[in-house]
């Protein structure tokens, strides 16, 4: 699967922004970290990871579905079954 350059750039810029915001928000005012604050950060990062995974899987599914409808992604490898055996 080919990923375009702009998708990589958006992903890298987004990652840098999230890490930068995390470092700035947590380091600009030193304080004792509470369990509630840690829980909120963990929930935020888990939700961010789930959203990213959902976006990636949705785009991959959309690309595969569009390719199968138009016949662009059908290959001989589609006829290979488990353990590399050819399907009937």
PDB file of N, CA and C in Angstrom:
ATOM      1  N   UNK A   1       0.843  -1.165   0.000  1.00  0.00           N
ATOM      2  CA  UNK A   1       0.000   0.000   0.000  1.00  0.00           C
ATOM      3  C   UNK A   1       0.894   1.235   0.000  1.00  0.00           C
ATOM      4  N   UNK A   2       0.628   2.141  -0.901  1.00  0.00           N
ATOM      5  CA  UNK A   2       1.384   3.381  -0.984  1.00  0.00           C
ATOM      6  C   UNK A   2       0.697   4.462  -0.177  1.00  0.00           C
ATOM      7  N   UNK A   3       1.487   5.177   0.597  1.00  0.00           N
ATOM      8  CA  UNK A   3       0.970   6.290   1.392  1.00  0.00           C
ATOM      9  C   UNK A   3       1.567   7.560   0.818  1.00  0.00           C
ATOM     10  N   UNK A   4       0.724   8.519   0.508  1.00  0.00           N
ATOM     11  CA  UNK A   4       1.215   9.743  -0.110  1.00  0.00           C
ATOM     12  C   UNK A   4       2.014  10.583   0.883  1.00  0.00           C
ATOM     13  N   UNK A   5       2.829  11.457   0.324  1.00  0.00           N
ATOM     14  CA  UNK A   5       3.708  12.294   1.141  1.00  0.00           C
ATOM     15  C   UNK A   5       2.919  13.191   2.086  1.00  0.00           C
ATOM     16  N   UNK A   6       1.798  13.747   1.629  1.00  0.00           N
ATOM     17  CA  UNK A   6       1.044  14.658   2.487  1.00  0.00           C
ATOM     18  C   UNK A   6       0.473  13.948   3.703  1.00  0.00           C
ATOM     19  N   UNK A   7       0.138  12.668   3.575  1.00  0.00           N
ATOM     20  CA  UNK A   7      -0.362  11.912   4.728  1.00  0.00           C
ATOM     21  C   UNK A   7       0.750  11.735   5.754  1.00  0.00           C
ATOM     22  N   UNK A   8       1.956  11.428   5.278  1.00  0.00           N
ATOM     23  CA  UNK A   8       3.097  11.312   6.186  1.00  0.00           C
ATOM     24  C   UNK A   8       3.384  12.640   6.871  1.00  0.00           C
ATOM     25  N   UNK A   9       3.337  13.729   6.120  1.00  0.00           N
ATOM     26  CA  UNK A   9       3.615  15.040   6.706  1.00  0.00           C
ATOM     27  C   UNK A   9       2.579  15.411   7.763  1.00  0.00           C
ATOM     28  N   UNK A  10       1.311  15.160   7.485  1.00  0.00           N
ATOM     29  CA  UNK A  10       0.265  15.448   8.473  1.00  0.00           C
ATOM     30  C   UNK A  10       0.462  14.601   9.725  1.00  0.00           C
ATOM     31  N   UNK A  11       0.805  13.333   9.543  1.00  0.00           N
ATOM     32  CA  UNK A  11       1.025  12.441  10.690  1.00  0.00           C
ATOM     33  C   UNK A  11       2.201  12.909  11.531  1.00  0.00           C
ATOM     34  N   UNK A  12       3.302  13.258  10.890  1.00  0.00           N
ATOM     35  CA  UNK A  12       4.496  13.685  11.631  1.00  0.00           C
ATOM     36  C   UNK A  12       4.252  15.026  12.325  1.00  0.00           C
ATOM     37  N   UNK A  13       3.629  15.975  11.620  1.00  0.00           N
ATOM     38  CA  UNK A  13       3.340  17.278  12.237  1.00  0.00           C
ATOM     39  C   UNK A  13       2.377  17.100  13.410  1.00  0.00           C
ATOM     40  N   UNK A  14       1.356  16.273  13.248  1.00  0.00           N
ATOM     41  CA  UNK A  14       0.429  16.002  14.345  1.00  0.00           C
ATOM     42  C   UNK A  14       1.120  15.390  15.548  1.00  0.00           C
ATOM     43  N   UNK A  15       2.013  14.437  15.296  1.00  0.00           N
ATOM     44  CA  UNK A  15       2.765  13.789  16.379  1.00  0.00           C
ATOM     45  C   UNK A  15       3.632  14.811  17.112  1.00  0.00           C
ATOM     46  N   UNK A  16       4.346  15.642  16.370  1.00  0.00           N
ATOM     47  CA  UNK A  16       5.209  16.657  16.989  1.00  0.00           C
ATOM     48  C   UNK A  16       4.379  17.655  17.792  1.00  0.00           C
ATOM     49  N   UNK A  17       3.218  18.060  17.266  1.00  0.00           N
ATOM     50  CA  UNK A  17       2.355  18.989  18.001  1.00  0.00           C
ATOM     51  C   UNK A  17       1.830  18.388  19.308  1.00  0.00           C
ATOM     52  N   UNK A  18       1.427  17.124  19.262  1.00  0.00           N
ATOM     53  CA  UNK A  18       0.913  16.477  20.474  1.00  0.00           C
ATOM     54  C   UNK A  18       2.014  16.334  21.518  1.00  0.00           C
ATOM     55  N   UNK A  19       3.196  15.891  21.097  1.00  0.00           N
ATOM     56  CA  UNK A  19       4.309  15.756  22.052  1.00  0.00           C
ATOM     57  C   UNK A  19       4.726  17.125  22.589  1.00  0.00           C
ATOM     58  N   UNK A  20       4.790  18.119  21.698  1.00  0.00           N
ATOM     59  CA  UNK A  20       5.143  19.470  22.144  1.00  0.00           C
ATOM     60  C   UNK A  20       4.139  20.030  23.131  1.00  0.00           C
ATOM     61  N   UNK A  21       2.846  19.854  22.847  1.00  0.00           N
ATOM     62  CA  UNK A  21       1.814  20.327  23.772  1.00  0.00           C
ATOM     63  C   UNK A  21       1.906  19.602  25.108  1.00  0.00           C
ATOM     64  N   UNK A  22       2.163  18.309  25.062  1.00  0.00           N
ATOM     65  CA  UNK A  22       2.289  17.529  26.292  1.00  0.00           C
ATOM     66  C   UNK A  22       3.460  18.046  27.131  1.00  0.00           C
ATOM     67  N   UNK A  23       4.599  18.254  26.492  1.00  0.00           N
ATOM     68  CA  UNK A  23       5.764  18.746  27.232  1.00  0.00           C
ATOM     69  C   UNK A  23       5.515  20.144  27.784  1.00  0.00           C
ATOM     70  N   UNK A  24       4.895  21.020  26.983  1.00  0.00           N
ATOM     71  CA  UNK A  24       4.658  22.376  27.452  1.00  0.00           C
ATOM     72  C   UNK A  24       3.642  22.401  28.597  1.00  0.00           C
ATOM     73  N   UNK A  25       2.552  21.663  28.440  1.00  0.00           N
ATOM     74  CA  UNK A  25       1.512  21.676  29.471  1.00  0.00           C
ATOM     75  C   UNK A  25       1.991  21.063  30.783  1.00  0.00           C
ATOM     76  N   UNK A  26       2.868  20.081  30.696  1.00  0.00           N
ATOM     77  CA  UNK A  26       3.317  19.418  31.917  1.00  0.00           C
ATOM     78  C   UNK A  26       4.566  20.040  32.526  1.00  0.00           C
ATOM     79  N   UNK A  27       5.353  20.764  31.747  1.00  0.00           N
ATOM     80  CA  UNK A  27       6.622  21.284  32.270  1.00  0.00           C
ATOM     81  C   UNK A  27       6.632  22.791  32.513  1.00  0.00           C
ATOM     82  N   UNK A  28       5.653  23.522  32.002  1.00  0.00           N
ATOM     83  CA  UNK A  28       5.724  24.974  32.161  1.00  0.00           C
ATOM     84  C   UNK A  28       5.406  25.420  33.586  1.00  0.00           C
ATOM     85  N   UNK A  29       4.687  24.601  34.340  1.00  0.00           N
ATOM     86  CA  UNK A  29       4.354  24.932  35.725  1.00  0.00           C
ATOM     87  C   UNK A  29       4.528  23.666  36.575  1.00  0.00           C
ATOM     88  N   UNK A  30       5.715  23.442  37.134  1.00  0.00           N
ATOM     89  CA  UNK A  30       5.946  22.227  37.928  1.00  0.00           C
ATOM     90  C   UNK A  30       4.968  22.150  39.112  1.00  0.00           C
ATOM     91  N   UNK A  31       4.415  20.961  39.290  1.00  0.00           N
ATOM     92  CA  UNK A  31       3.470  20.749  40.379  1.00  0.00           C
ATOM     93  C   UNK A  31       3.423  19.257  40.712  1.00  0.00           C
ATOM     94  N   UNK A  32       2.816  18.947  41.842  1.00  0.00           N
ATOM     95  CA  UNK A  32       2.625  17.555  42.217  1.00  0.00           C
ATOM     96  C   UNK A  32       1.513  16.971  41.352  1.00  0.00           C
ATOM     97  N   UNK A  33       1.796  15.863  40.728  1.00  0.00           N
ATOM     98  CA  UNK A  33       0.837  15.242  39.827  1.00  0.00           C
ATOM     99  C   UNK A  33      -0.119  14.366  40.635  1.00  0.00           C
ATOM    100  N   UNK A  34      -1.408  14.557  40.418  1.00  0.00           N
ATOM    101  CA  UNK A  34      -2.406  13.772  41.137  1.00  0.00           C
ATOM    102  C   UNK A  34      -2.822  12.563  40.310  1.00  0.00           C
ATOM    103  N   UNK A  35      -3.458  11.625  40.957  1.00  0.00           N
ATOM    104  CA  UNK A  35      -3.950  10.438  40.268  1.00  0.00           C
ATOM    105  C   UNK A  35      -5.003  10.808  39.215  1.00  0.00           C
ATOM    106  N   UNK A  36      -5.827  11.785  39.510  1.00  0.00           N
ATOM    107  CA  UNK A  36      -6.842  12.230  38.561  1.00  0.00           C
ATOM    108  C   UNK A  36      -6.223  12.813  37.292  1.00  0.00           C
ATOM    109  N   UNK A  37      -5.165  13.601  37.453  1.00  0.00           N
ATOM    110  CA  UNK A  37      -4.489  14.183  36.294  1.00  0.00           C
ATOM    111  C   UNK A  37      -3.842  13.101  35.443  1.00  0.00           C
ATOM    112  N   UNK A  38      -3.208  12.140  36.076  1.00  0.00           N
ATOM    113  CA  UNK A  38      -2.592  11.029  35.343  1.00  0.00           C
ATOM    114  C   UNK A  38      -3.665  10.239  34.590  1.00  0.00           C
ATOM    115  N   UNK A  39      -4.790  10.007  35.243  1.00  0.00           N
ATOM    116  CA  UNK A  39      -5.878   9.258  34.608  1.00  0.00           C
ATOM    117  C   UNK A  39      -6.394   9.998  33.374  1.00  0.00           C
ATOM    118  N   UNK A  40      -6.560  11.310  33.494  1.00  0.00           N
ATOM    119  CA  UNK A  40      -7.019  12.100  32.338  1.00  0.00           C
ATOM    120  C   UNK A  40      -6.028  12.027  31.179  1.00  0.00           C
ATOM    121  N   UNK A  41      -4.727  12.113  31.474  1.00  0.00           N
ATOM    122  CA  UNK A  41      -3.726  12.021  30.404  1.00  0.00           C
ATOM    123  C   UNK A  41      -3.736  10.647  29.753  1.00  0.00           C
ATOM    124  N   UNK A  42      -3.867   9.605  30.544  1.00  0.00           N
ATOM    125  CA  UNK A  42      -3.897   8.246  29.981  1.00  0.00           C
ATOM    126  C   UNK A  42      -5.127   8.074  29.097  1.00  0.00           C
ATOM    127  N   UNK A  43      -6.285   8.526  29.572  1.00  0.00           N
ATOM    128  CA  UNK A  43      -7.513   8.431  28.769  1.00  0.00           C
ATOM    129  C   UNK A  43      -7.361   9.230  27.474  1.00  0.00           C
ATOM    130  N   UNK A  44      -6.760  10.416  27.552  1.00  0.00           N
ATOM    131  CA  UNK A  44      -6.542  11.235  26.367  1.00  0.00           C
ATOM    132  C   UNK A  44      -5.666  10.507  25.350  1.00  0.00           C
ATOM    133  N   UNK A  45      -4.552   9.944  25.785  1.00  0.00           N
ATOM    134  CA  UNK A  45      -3.643   9.273  24.852  1.00  0.00           C
ATOM    135  C   UNK A  45      -4.233   7.983  24.288  1.00  0.00           C
ATOM    136  N   UNK A  46      -4.984   7.248  25.093  1.00  0.00           N
ATOM    137  CA  UNK A  46      -5.643   6.043  24.582  1.00  0.00           C
ATOM    138  C   UNK A  46      -6.702   6.426  23.550  1.00  0.00           C
ATOM    139  N   UNK A  47      -7.479   7.464  23.829  1.00  0.00           N
ATOM    140  CA  UNK A  47      -8.495   7.926  22.872  1.00  0.00           C
ATOM    141  C   UNK A  47      -7.835   8.418  21.583  1.00  0.00           C
ATOM    142  N   UNK A  48      -6.710   9.094  21.701  1.00  0.00           N
ATOM    143  CA  UNK A  48      -5.983   9.572  20.527  1.00  0.00           C
ATOM    144  C   UNK A  48      -5.486   8.394  19.691  1.00  0.00           C
ATOM    145  N   UNK A  49      -4.961   7.367  20.347  1.00  0.00           N
ATOM    146  CA  UNK A  49      -4.484   6.181  19.628  1.00  0.00           C
ATOM    147  C   UNK A  49      -5.630   5.446  18.948  1.00  0.00           C
ATOM    148  N   UNK A  50      -6.761   5.322  19.621  1.00  0.00           N
ATOM    149  CA  UNK A  50      -7.921   4.651  19.029  1.00  0.00           C
ATOM    150  C   UNK A  50      -8.441   5.446  17.827  1.00  0.00           C
ATOM    151  N   UNK A  51      -8.483   6.770  17.958  1.00  0.00           N
ATOM    152  CA  UNK A  51      -8.935   7.611  16.844  1.00  0.00           C
ATOM    153  C   UNK A  51      -7.993   7.486  15.653  1.00  0.00           C
ATOM    154  N   UNK A  52      -6.694   7.473  15.906  1.00  0.00           N
ATOM    155  CA  UNK A  52      -5.722   7.326  14.821  1.00  0.00           C
ATOM    156  C   UNK A  52      -5.870   5.956  14.157  1.00  0.00           C
ATOM    157  N   UNK A  53      -5.983   4.908  14.957  1.00  0.00           N
ATOM    158  CA  UNK A  53      -6.169   3.568  14.401  1.00  0.00           C
ATOM    159  C   UNK A  53      -7.452   3.444  13.608  1.00  0.00           C
ATOM    160  N   UNK A  54      -8.521   4.063  14.095  1.00  0.00           N
ATOM    161  CA  UNK A  54      -9.782   4.041  13.366  1.00  0.00           C
ATOM    162  C   UNK A  54      -9.693   4.774  12.047  1.00  0.00           C
ATOM    163  N   UNK A  55      -8.992   5.896  12.046  1.00  0.00           N
ATOM    164  CA  UNK A  55      -8.810   6.658  10.807  1.00  0.00           C
ATOM    165  C   UNK A  55      -7.995   5.866   9.796  1.00  0.00           C
ATOM    166  N   UNK A  56      -6.932   5.236  10.254  1.00  0.00           N
ATOM    167  CA  UNK A  56      -6.096   4.444   9.352  1.00  0.00           C
ATOM    168  C   UNK A  56      -6.874   3.254   8.808  1.00  0.00           C
ATOM    169  N   UNK A  57      -7.571   2.527   9.666  1.00  0.00           N
ATOM    170  CA  UNK A  57      -8.298   1.352   9.189  1.00  0.00           C
ATOM    171  C   UNK A  57      -9.448   1.745   8.270  1.00  0.00           C
ATOM    172  N   UNK A  58     -10.104   2.879   8.542  1.00  0.00           N
ATOM    173  CA  UNK A  58     -11.179   3.325   7.669  1.00  0.00           C
ATOM    174  C   UNK A  58     -10.635   3.702   6.294  1.00  0.00           C
ATOM    175  N   UNK A  59      -9.492   4.364   6.254  1.00  0.00           N
ATOM    176  CA  UNK A  59      -8.932   4.752   4.961  1.00  0.00           C
ATOM    177  C   UNK A  59      -8.431   3.533   4.195  1.00  0.00           C
ATOM    178  N   UNK A  60      -7.853   2.560   4.889  1.00  0.00           N
ATOM    179  CA  UNK A  60      -7.405   1.336   4.220  1.00  0.00           C
ATOM    180  C   UNK A  60      -8.604   0.558   3.700  1.00  0.00           C
ATOM    181  N   UNK A  61      -9.657   0.441   4.515  1.00  0.00           N
ATOM    182  CA  UNK A  61     -10.849  -0.276   4.082  1.00  0.00           C
ATOM    183  C   UNK A  61     -11.485   0.412   2.886  1.00  0.00           C
ATOM    184  N   UNK A  62     -11.563   1.749   2.929  1.00  0.00           N
ATOM    185  CA  UNK A  62     -12.148   2.492   1.817  1.00  0.00           C
ATOM    186  C   UNK A  62     -11.350   2.283   0.540  1.00  0.00           C
ATOM    187  N   UNK A  63     -10.028   2.298   0.653  1.00  0.00           N
ATOM    188  CA  UNK A  63      -9.176   2.108  -0.525  1.00  0.00           C
ATOM    189  C   UNK A  63      -9.341   0.701  -1.081  1.00  0.00           C
ATOM    190  N   UNK A  64      -9.397  -0.279  -0.216  1.00  0.00           N
ATOM    191  CA  UNK A  64      -9.561  -1.660  -0.686  1.00  0.00           C
ATOM    192  C   UNK A  64     -10.929  -1.856  -1.314  1.00  0.00           C
ATOM    193  N   UNK A  65     -11.950  -1.295  -0.678  1.00  0.00           N
ATOM    194  CA  UNK A  65     -13.313  -1.448  -1.187  1.00  0.00           C
ATOM    195  C   UNK A  65     -13.447  -0.769  -2.549  1.00  0.00           C
ATOM    196  N   UNK A  66     -12.902   0.422  -2.677  1.00  0.00           N
ATOM    197  CA  UNK A  66     -12.965   1.142  -3.951  1.00  0.00           C
ATOM    198  C   UNK A  66     -12.175   0.393  -5.020  1.00  0.00           C
ATOM    199  N   UNK A  67     -11.024  -0.163  -4.638  1.00  0.00           N
ATOM    200  CA  UNK A  67     -10.203  -0.904  -5.598  1.00  0.00           C
ATOM    201  C   UNK A  67     -10.874  -2.179  -6.050  1.00  0.00           C
ATOM    202  N   UNK A  68     -11.543  -2.869  -5.161  1.00  0.00           N
ATOM    203  CA  UNK A  68     -12.211  -4.108  -5.538  1.00  0.00           C
ATOM    204  C   UNK A  68     -13.407  -3.837  -6.424  1.00  0.00           C
ATOM    205  N   UNK A  69     -14.093  -2.734  -6.192  1.00  0.00           N
ATOM    206  CA  UNK A  69     -15.234  -2.403  -7.042  1.00  0.00           C
ATOM    207  C   UNK A  69     -14.787  -2.068  -8.454  1.00  0.00           C
ATOM    208  N   UNK A  70     -13.670  -1.349  -8.564  1.00  0.00           N
ATOM    209  CA  UNK A  70     -13.239  -0.938  -9.893  1.00  0.00           C
ATOM    210  C   UNK A  70     -12.340  -1.986 -10.547  1.00  0.00           C
ATOM    211  N   UNK A  71     -11.981  -3.033  -9.815  1.00  0.00           N
ATOM    212  CA  UNK A  71     -11.151  -4.092 -10.376  1.00  0.00           C
ATOM    213  C   UNK A  71      -9.677  -3.763 -10.398  1.00  0.00           C
ATOM    214  N   UNK A  72      -9.252  -2.699  -9.721  1.00  0.00           N
ATOM    215  CA  UNK A  72      -7.852  -2.298  -9.756  1.00  0.00           C
ATOM    216  C   UNK A  72      -6.983  -3.124  -8.826  1.00  0.00           C
ATOM    217  N   UNK A  73      -7.542  -3.648  -7.743  1.00  0.00           N
ATOM    218  CA  UNK A  73      -6.711  -4.325  -6.762  1.00  0.00           C
ATOM    219  C   UNK A  73      -6.755  -5.841  -6.886  1.00  0.00           C
ATOM    220  N   UNK A  74      -7.541  -6.385  -7.770  1.00  0.00           N
ATOM    221  CA  UNK A  74      -7.592  -7.827  -7.932  1.00  0.00           C
ATOM    222  C   UNK A  74      -6.296  -8.349  -8.519  1.00  0.00           C
ATOM    223  N   UNK A  75      -5.657  -9.289  -7.827  1.00  0.00           N
ATOM    224  CA  UNK A  75      -4.403  -9.868  -8.310  1.00  0.00           C
ATOM    225  C   UNK A  75      -4.480 -11.374  -8.205  1.00  0.00           C
ATOM    226  N   UNK A  76      -3.482 -12.026  -8.751  1.00  0.00           N
ATOM    227  CA  UNK A  76      -3.420 -13.481  -8.640  1.00  0.00           C
ATOM    228  C   UNK A  76      -3.248 -13.928  -7.202  1.00  0.00           C
ATOM    229  N   UNK A  77      -2.691 -13.050  -6.351  1.00  0.00           N
ATOM    230  CA  UNK A  77      -2.497 -13.431  -4.949  1.00  0.00           C
ATOM    231  C   UNK A  77      -3.840 -13.593  -4.240  1.00  0.00           C
ATOM    232  N   UNK A  78      -4.926 -13.046  -4.815  1.00  0.00           N
ATOM    233  CA  UNK A  78      -6.252 -13.237  -4.221  1.00  0.00           C
ATOM    234  C   UNK A  78      -6.693 -14.695  -4.303  1.00  0.00           C
ATOM    235  N   UNK A  79      -6.091 -15.450  -5.217  1.00  0.00           N
ATOM    236  CA  UNK A  79      -6.449 -16.854  -5.402  1.00  0.00           C
ATOM    237  C   UNK A  79      -5.616 -17.785  -4.543  1.00  0.00           C
ATOM    238  N   UNK A  80      -4.743 -17.231  -3.710  1.00  0.00           N
ATOM    239  CA  UNK A  80      -3.899 -18.067  -2.860  1.00  0.00           C
ATOM    240  C   UNK A  80      -4.586 -18.274  -1.528  1.00  0.00           C
ATOM    241  N   UNK A  81      -4.740 -19.526  -1.140  1.00  0.00           N
ATOM    242  CA  UNK A  81      -5.397 -19.857   0.112  1.00  0.00           C
ATOM    243  C   UNK A  81      -4.407 -19.962   1.258  1.00  0.00           C
ATOM    244  N   UNK A  82      -4.832 -20.568   2.342  1.00  0.00           N
ATOM    245  CA  UNK A  82      -3.957 -20.729   3.500  1.00  0.00           C
ATOM    246  C   UNK A  82      -2.709 -21.554   3.131  1.00  0.00           C
ATOM    247  N   UNK A  83      -1.620 -21.227   3.714  1.00  0.00           N
ATOM    248  CA  UNK A  83      -0.344 -21.932   3.520  1.00  0.00           C
ATOM    249  C   UNK A  83       0.150 -21.849   2.071  1.00  0.00           C
ATOM    250  N   UNK A  84      -0.294 -20.869   1.325  1.00  0.00           N
ATOM    251  CA  UNK A  84       0.213 -20.658  -0.017  1.00  0.00           C
ATOM    252  C   UNK A  84      -0.371 -21.558  -1.083  1.00  0.00           C
ATOM    253  N   UNK A  85      -1.399 -22.366  -0.751  1.00  0.00           N
ATOM    254  CA  UNK A  85      -1.978 -23.253  -1.740  1.00  0.00           C
ATOM    255  C   UNK A  85      -2.914 -22.487  -2.655  1.00  0.00           C
ATOM    256  N   UNK A  86      -2.963 -22.900  -3.926  1.00  0.00           N
ATOM    257  CA  UNK A  86      -3.846 -22.245  -4.892  1.00  0.00           C
ATOM    258  C   UNK A  86      -5.287 -22.658  -4.608  1.00  0.00           C
ATOM    259  N   UNK A  87      -6.193 -21.672  -4.682  1.00  0.00           N
ATOM    260  CA  UNK A  87      -7.608 -21.973  -4.522  1.00  0.00           C
ATOM    261  C   UNK A  87      -8.165 -22.460  -5.845  1.00  0.00           C
ATOM    262  N   UNK A  88      -9.132 -23.354  -5.759  1.00  0.00           N
ATOM    263  CA  UNK A  88      -9.789 -24.003  -6.854  1.00  0.00           C
ATOM    264  C   UNK A  88     -10.054 -23.223  -8.029  1.00  0.00           C
TER     265      UNK A  88
END
